[in-house]
Amino acid sequence: MTQPFLGLALGGGGARGAAHIGVLQELHRAGIKIDAVAGASAGSLIGAMYAYSLDPFWIEEQFRKNMALNPFTSVASKRFLNGRNPDSVLDQITKKVSDHFQMMMSLNRKSIIKRQPLQDAISFLLPATTFDDLKIPLKVVSTDLESCEDIIHDRGNLVEALVQSCSIPGFVEPTEQDNRIIVDGGVGMPIPVPVLKENCAFTLAVDISQYTLEKLGKTTMISITQRAEIITSNRLKAKLAQEADFVIRPDTLGIHWSDFDQFDVLMEQGKLAVKGSLQPLKKMINQKQTVSDGMKEWLS
C-alpha cells in the first residue's frame, strides 16, 4: 500500500464541526488531495463521511437532510447548556430553574441523553458500517476515563467508534466495556495530529475551537467551571495544532458547541479560512511533496 502523503486532522467542537465541511469544500475546489483523515468528536464524524465519499458537497446534503431529525438539535437547548447570563427577569428566572435542574440531574444521572439517538443520527448520515467501507484511511479518537488514555480506532465497527468519539461527557451516555469508560475523543486529543504524524509526510490540522469568548458578567458556579474548562481545552488544542505542518483555524465567532442553528454561518467561516490561507498552504504542500519525492527516488 502506498504511504499517504497528506493527512488531515479534524478537531472536535460539536456544532462548530460545520466549519469542517466548509474547509473540505474549499480544499476540494482547490484540487488539494487528502490521503488520510483523523478525527475527534465532531471531526471524527465529518472525517468518516469524507473518507467514505470523498465528496464534501454530499456531506453538506446529508446534514441538511438530517438537521430537522437530529436528536442533538432538539435536545441541546443553548440556554440550558451554554452558561450565558441573560439580562431579562424572565430569562434570569428560567436560568435559575435550568441551573437547579441541571444540578439535580448531575447528581443522579450519567448523561442527558442515551447513546441510541446519537447512533441513529450517525447511521442516517453515514451509509457505512465498517472501516473497510472507506475509500481512504481513517483514525477515530476516543478517551478512556479510567486509564486516561486515548483510544485509536482504525478497523472494525465504524459506527461504534464514531459513537464513542462523539459522546460528549455529561451530555451523551458513556460507553462502558472491558473495564473502560469511553467518552468523546476531544477530551484527551481534541485535534488528533499525533496519530497522523507517523504515516503522513504532510499534516494539515483544522482547529474549530471557541477562541472568541463573551465577558462572564455575573459569575456563577457553572459559568466559572465552564470558562476554566474552555481555557484548559484551548491550551491543549493550540499545543496539538502546533505539531501539524499547517493549521487552518476558522473564526468560529465564539459559537457554542450546542448552537446547531448556526450551520450556515459556520460553514461559511470554514470556507473563508481556506480562501485566506490557500496560497501559503499550496506552497508548503509543493515544497514538502518535492522533498518527499526526492527521498523516494533516493531510497529506490
Protein backbone atom coordinates (compact mmCIF):
# COMPACT_ATOMS: atom_id res chain seq x y z
CA MET A 1 0.00 0.00 0.00
CA THR A 2 1.29 3.48 -0.91
CA GLN A 3 2.10 5.62 2.11
CA PRO A 4 -0.34 8.56 2.41
CA PHE A 5 1.17 11.98 1.76
CA LEU A 6 -1.36 14.47 3.16
CA GLY A 7 -3.07 13.64 6.43
CA LEU A 8 -5.95 15.82 7.63
CA ALA A 9 -6.67 16.17 11.36
CA LEU A 10 -10.18 17.41 12.15
CA GLY A 11 -10.71 18.74 15.66
CA GLY A 12 -13.76 18.44 17.89
CA GLY A 13 -16.30 21.15 18.58
CA GLY A 14 -19.90 19.89 18.36
CA ALA A 15 -21.97 22.16 16.12
CA ARG A 16 -18.79 24.00 15.11
CA GLY A 17 -18.00 20.88 13.07
CA ALA A 18 -19.99 22.53 10.27
CA ALA A 19 -16.87 24.64 9.67
CA HIS A 20 -15.04 21.43 8.72
CA ILE A 21 -17.47 20.96 5.83
CA GLY A 22 -16.70 24.44 4.50
CA VAL A 23 -12.97 23.75 4.81
CA LEU A 24 -13.29 20.43 2.94
CA GLN A 25 -15.31 22.03 0.15
CA GLU A 26 -12.71 24.73 -0.48
CA LEU A 27 -9.83 22.25 -0.33
CA HIS A 28 -11.73 20.15 -2.87
CA ARG A 29 -12.25 23.16 -5.16
CA ALA A 30 -8.54 23.93 -4.91
CA GLY A 31 -7.64 20.40 -6.00
CA ILE A 32 -5.86 19.54 -2.75
CA LYS A 33 -5.87 15.75 -2.38
CA ILE A 34 -6.42 14.29 1.08
CA ASP A 35 -4.88 10.85 1.56
CA ALA A 36 -5.82 10.08 5.19
CA VAL A 37 -8.01 11.55 7.90
CA ALA A 38 -8.04 11.53 11.69
CA GLY A 39 -10.88 12.97 13.74
CA ALA A 40 -12.05 13.53 17.27
CA SER A 41 -15.69 14.07 18.24
CA ALA A 42 -17.44 16.12 15.50
CA GLY A 43 -14.25 15.88 13.46
CA SER A 44 -14.46 12.08 13.52
CA LEU A 45 -17.96 12.08 12.01
CA ILE A 46 -17.13 14.63 9.29
CA GLY A 47 -13.87 12.79 8.65
CA ALA A 48 -15.65 9.45 8.31
CA MET A 49 -18.19 10.92 5.90
CA TYR A 50 -15.37 12.31 3.79
CA ALA A 51 -13.35 9.07 3.92
CA TYR A 52 -16.46 7.25 2.70
CA SER A 53 -17.48 9.64 -0.09
CA LEU A 54 -14.51 11.91 -0.92
CA ASP A 55 -17.30 14.40 -1.62
CA PRO A 56 -17.71 17.33 0.82
CA PHE A 57 -20.81 18.55 -1.02
CA TRP A 58 -22.52 15.21 -0.34
CA ILE A 59 -21.65 15.70 3.35
CA GLU A 60 -23.48 19.03 3.34
CA GLU A 61 -26.51 17.43 1.68
CA GLN A 62 -26.63 14.66 4.28
CA PHE A 63 -26.55 17.14 7.15
CA ARG A 64 -29.26 19.28 5.60
CA LYS A 65 -31.49 16.21 5.22
CA ASN A 66 -30.90 15.23 8.81
CA MET A 67 -30.92 18.55 10.66
CA ALA A 68 -34.65 18.55 11.37
CA LEU A 69 -34.44 15.00 12.77
CA ASN A 70 -31.06 15.12 14.51
CA PRO A 71 -31.54 14.37 18.23
CA PHE A 72 -28.92 16.97 19.15
CA THR A 73 -30.89 19.81 17.56
CA SER A 74 -33.95 19.08 19.67
CA VAL A 75 -32.23 18.11 22.92
CA ALA A 76 -29.39 20.62 23.02
CA SER A 77 -31.08 23.76 24.27
CA LYS A 78 -28.50 26.52 24.07
CA ARG A 79 -29.81 28.27 27.13
CA PHE A 80 -29.64 25.01 29.08
CA LEU A 81 -26.09 24.21 28.03
CA ASN A 82 -24.02 27.27 27.31
CA GLY A 83 -23.96 29.08 30.64
CA ARG A 84 -24.73 32.57 29.32
CA ASN A 85 -26.12 35.23 31.66
CA PRO A 86 -29.24 36.81 30.11
CA ASP A 87 -30.44 40.15 31.48
CA SER A 88 -34.24 40.00 31.42
CA VAL A 89 -36.14 38.99 34.56
CA LEU A 90 -37.85 36.12 32.73
CA ASP A 91 -34.53 34.84 31.42
CA GLN A 92 -33.00 35.06 34.88
CA ILE A 93 -35.85 33.02 36.36
CA THR A 94 -35.58 30.50 33.52
CA LYS A 95 -31.86 30.20 34.09
CA LYS A 96 -32.31 29.65 37.84
CA VAL A 97 -34.71 26.79 37.17
CA SER A 98 -32.45 25.39 34.46
CA ASP A 99 -29.35 25.53 36.68
CA HIS A 100 -31.19 23.80 39.52
CA PHE A 101 -32.49 21.10 37.17
CA GLN A 102 -29.02 20.62 35.71
CA MET A 103 -27.51 20.28 39.18
CA MET A 104 -30.11 17.71 40.25
CA MET A 105 -29.58 15.70 37.06
CA SER A 106 -25.81 15.70 37.52
CA LEU A 107 -26.20 14.10 40.95
CA ASN A 108 -28.39 11.26 39.71
CA ARG A 109 -27.61 10.59 36.04
CA LYS A 110 -24.58 9.89 33.86
CA SER A 111 -25.85 11.92 30.93
CA ILE A 112 -28.70 13.91 29.43
CA ILE A 113 -29.31 11.51 26.53
CA LYS A 114 -28.64 7.84 25.89
CA ARG A 115 -26.31 6.51 23.20
CA GLN A 116 -29.08 5.37 20.86
CA PRO A 117 -30.16 8.78 19.48
CA LEU A 118 -26.54 9.55 18.62
CA GLN A 119 -26.10 6.14 17.00
CA ASP A 120 -29.28 6.64 14.96
CA ALA A 121 -28.09 10.05 13.73
CA ILE A 122 -24.69 8.65 12.71
CA SER A 123 -26.29 5.71 10.89
CA PHE A 124 -28.55 8.11 8.99
CA LEU A 125 -25.69 10.42 7.99
CA LEU A 126 -23.21 7.71 7.04
CA PRO A 127 -24.20 4.63 4.97
CA ALA A 128 -21.10 2.71 6.09
CA THR A 129 -20.73 0.24 8.95
CA THR A 130 -17.07 -0.75 8.99
CA PHE A 131 -13.73 0.89 8.30
CA ASP A 132 -13.43 -1.41 5.27
CA ASP A 133 -16.22 0.62 3.60
CA LEU A 134 -13.99 3.72 3.44
CA LYS A 135 -12.01 4.92 0.42
CA ILE A 136 -9.10 6.40 2.38
CA PRO A 137 -7.64 5.53 5.82
CA LEU A 138 -9.40 6.96 8.86
CA LYS A 139 -8.41 7.10 12.53
CA VAL A 140 -11.08 7.88 15.10
CA VAL A 141 -10.09 9.02 18.60
CA SER A 142 -11.98 8.44 21.84
CA THR A 143 -10.94 8.70 25.51
CA ASP A 144 -10.94 6.16 28.34
CA LEU A 145 -11.81 7.95 31.59
CA GLU A 146 -10.48 5.06 33.70
CA SER A 147 -6.95 4.88 32.29
CA CYS A 148 -6.94 8.49 30.98
CA GLU A 149 -5.59 7.11 27.70
CA ASP A 150 -6.53 7.84 24.10
CA ILE A 151 -8.18 5.04 22.14
CA ILE A 152 -7.43 4.98 18.41
CA HIS A 153 -9.99 3.17 16.22
CA ASP A 154 -8.97 2.27 12.66
CA ARG A 155 -10.68 -1.06 11.96
CA GLY A 156 -13.85 -2.97 12.74
CA ASN A 157 -17.19 -1.36 13.66
CA LEU A 158 -17.13 2.20 12.33
CA VAL A 159 -20.46 3.32 13.80
CA GLU A 160 -19.47 2.18 17.29
CA ALA A 161 -16.15 4.01 17.02
CA LEU A 162 -17.94 7.22 16.00
CA VAL A 163 -20.49 6.94 18.80
CA GLN A 164 -17.69 6.62 21.33
CA SER A 165 -15.72 9.52 19.84
CA CYS A 166 -18.80 11.80 19.78
CA SER A 167 -20.05 11.02 23.30
CA ILE A 168 -19.72 14.45 24.89
CA PRO A 169 -19.12 13.90 28.63
CA GLY A 170 -22.21 14.57 30.71
CA PHE A 171 -24.35 15.01 27.62
CA VAL A 172 -24.20 11.61 25.90
CA GLU A 173 -24.13 8.36 27.86
CA PRO A 174 -20.56 6.97 28.01
CA THR A 175 -19.69 3.51 26.68
CA GLU A 176 -18.73 1.05 29.42
CA GLN A 177 -16.86 -2.04 28.21
CA ASP A 178 -13.83 -4.11 29.27
CA ASN A 179 -13.40 -2.07 32.48
CA ARG A 180 -13.25 1.12 30.42
CA ILE A 181 -15.50 4.19 30.48
CA ILE A 182 -15.23 5.66 26.99
CA VAL A 183 -16.18 9.21 26.01
CA ASP A 184 -15.50 11.96 23.48
CA GLY A 185 -12.08 11.88 21.80
CA GLY A 186 -11.86 15.63 22.29
CA VAL A 187 -11.20 15.12 26.00
CA GLY A 188 -7.67 13.80 25.53
CA MET A 189 -6.77 14.63 21.91
CA PRO A 190 -9.09 17.36 20.60
CA ILE A 191 -7.03 17.81 17.41
CA PRO A 192 -5.59 14.37 16.50
CA VAL A 193 -2.43 15.44 14.70
CA PRO A 194 -0.17 12.93 16.55
CA VAL A 195 -1.95 9.88 15.12
CA LEU A 196 -1.13 11.04 11.56
CA LYS A 197 2.49 12.13 12.03
CA GLU A 198 3.96 8.63 11.84
CA ASN A 199 2.45 7.74 8.46
CA CYS A 200 1.88 11.04 6.63
CA ALA A 201 4.59 13.24 5.14
CA PHE A 202 2.41 16.35 5.48
CA THR A 203 -0.14 17.01 8.24
CA LEU A 204 -2.89 19.61 7.95
CA ALA A 205 -4.92 20.44 11.06
CA VAL A 206 -8.30 22.16 11.27
CA ASP A 207 -8.89 23.83 14.63
CA ILE A 208 -12.53 24.81 15.28
CA SER A 209 -12.08 25.86 18.90
CA GLN A 210 -14.14 28.51 20.67
CA TYR A 211 -11.40 31.12 20.98
CA THR A 212 -13.71 34.17 21.00
CA LEU A 213 -15.40 34.35 24.40
CA GLU A 214 -18.05 36.67 25.82
CA LYS A 215 -17.43 38.52 29.08
CA LEU A 216 -18.52 36.42 32.02
CA GLY A 217 -20.64 39.18 33.53
CA LYS A 218 -22.35 37.87 36.66
CA THR A 219 -20.41 34.76 37.60
CA THR A 220 -21.96 31.50 38.75
CA MET A 221 -20.53 28.15 39.75
CA ILE A 222 -21.41 26.78 36.32
CA SER A 223 -20.06 29.72 34.28
CA ILE A 224 -16.77 29.73 36.20
CA THR A 225 -16.30 25.98 35.73
CA GLN A 226 -17.17 26.16 32.04
CA ARG A 227 -14.78 29.05 31.39
CA ALA A 228 -11.96 27.24 33.21
CA GLU A 229 -12.56 24.12 31.10
CA ILE A 230 -12.55 26.15 27.87
CA ILE A 231 -9.21 27.76 28.77
CA THR A 232 -7.64 24.37 29.54
CA SER A 233 -9.05 22.86 26.35
CA ASN A 234 -7.89 25.76 24.18
CA ARG A 235 -4.33 25.50 25.51
CA LEU A 236 -4.25 21.78 24.69
CA LYS A 237 -5.71 22.36 21.21
CA ALA A 238 -3.17 25.06 20.44
CA LYS A 239 -0.32 22.77 21.50
CA LEU A 240 -1.59 19.88 19.38
CA ALA A 241 -2.15 22.15 16.38
CA GLN A 242 1.49 23.30 16.57
CA GLU A 243 2.57 19.73 15.74
CA ALA A 244 0.96 19.99 12.29
CA ASP A 245 2.77 21.29 9.21
CA PHE A 246 -0.08 23.71 8.56
CA VAL A 247 -3.13 24.83 10.56
CA ILE A 248 -6.44 26.16 9.28
CA ARG A 249 -8.28 27.97 12.04
CA PRO A 250 -11.78 29.15 11.06
CA ASP A 251 -13.17 32.04 13.07
CA THR A 252 -15.98 30.23 14.90
CA LEU A 253 -17.23 33.57 16.31
CA GLY A 254 -17.48 32.28 19.86
CA ILE A 255 -20.30 29.94 18.82
CA HIS A 256 -21.05 27.30 21.46
CA TRP A 257 -20.86 23.59 20.63
CA SER A 258 -24.65 23.31 21.06
CA ASP A 259 -25.56 26.09 18.58
CA PHE A 260 -26.70 23.77 15.79
CA ASP A 261 -28.77 26.52 14.20
CA GLN A 262 -25.52 28.24 13.14
CA PHE A 263 -24.74 25.60 10.49
CA ASP A 264 -24.62 28.01 7.52
CA VAL A 265 -22.59 30.64 9.37
CA LEU A 266 -20.01 28.08 10.46
CA MET A 267 -19.77 26.51 7.02
CA GLU A 268 -19.05 29.92 5.54
CA GLN A 269 -16.35 30.58 8.15
CA GLY A 270 -14.68 27.33 7.16
CA LYS A 271 -14.65 28.39 3.51
CA LEU A 272 -13.26 31.84 4.34
CA ALA A 273 -10.46 30.32 6.43
CA VAL A 274 -9.25 28.23 3.48
CA LYS A 275 -9.54 31.07 0.98
CA GLY A 276 -7.43 33.25 3.26
CA SER A 277 -4.63 30.70 3.58
CA LEU A 278 -4.74 28.82 0.27
CA GLN A 279 -1.60 30.26 -1.34
CA PRO A 280 0.80 29.59 1.57
CA LEU A 281 -0.81 26.16 2.05
CA LYS A 282 -0.26 25.18 -1.60
CA LYS A 283 3.30 26.46 -1.48
CA MET A 284 4.11 24.42 1.62
CA ILE A 285 2.47 21.28 0.18
CA ASN A 286 4.50 21.63 -3.02
CA GLN A 287 7.73 22.07 -1.07
CA LYS A 288 7.03 19.04 1.10
CA GLN A 289 5.97 16.99 -1.93
CA THR A 290 9.25 17.81 -3.70
CA VAL A 291 11.26 16.71 -0.66
CA SER A 292 9.15 13.57 -0.27
CA ASP A 293 9.54 12.62 -3.95
CA GLY A 294 13.27 13.21 -3.71
CA MET A 295 13.56 10.90 -0.71
CA LYS A 296 11.59 8.17 -2.51
CA GLU A 297 13.86 8.44 -5.55
CA TRP A 298 16.99 8.32 -3.38
CA LEU A 299 15.75 5.23 -1.50
CA SER A 300 14.67 3.37 -4.64
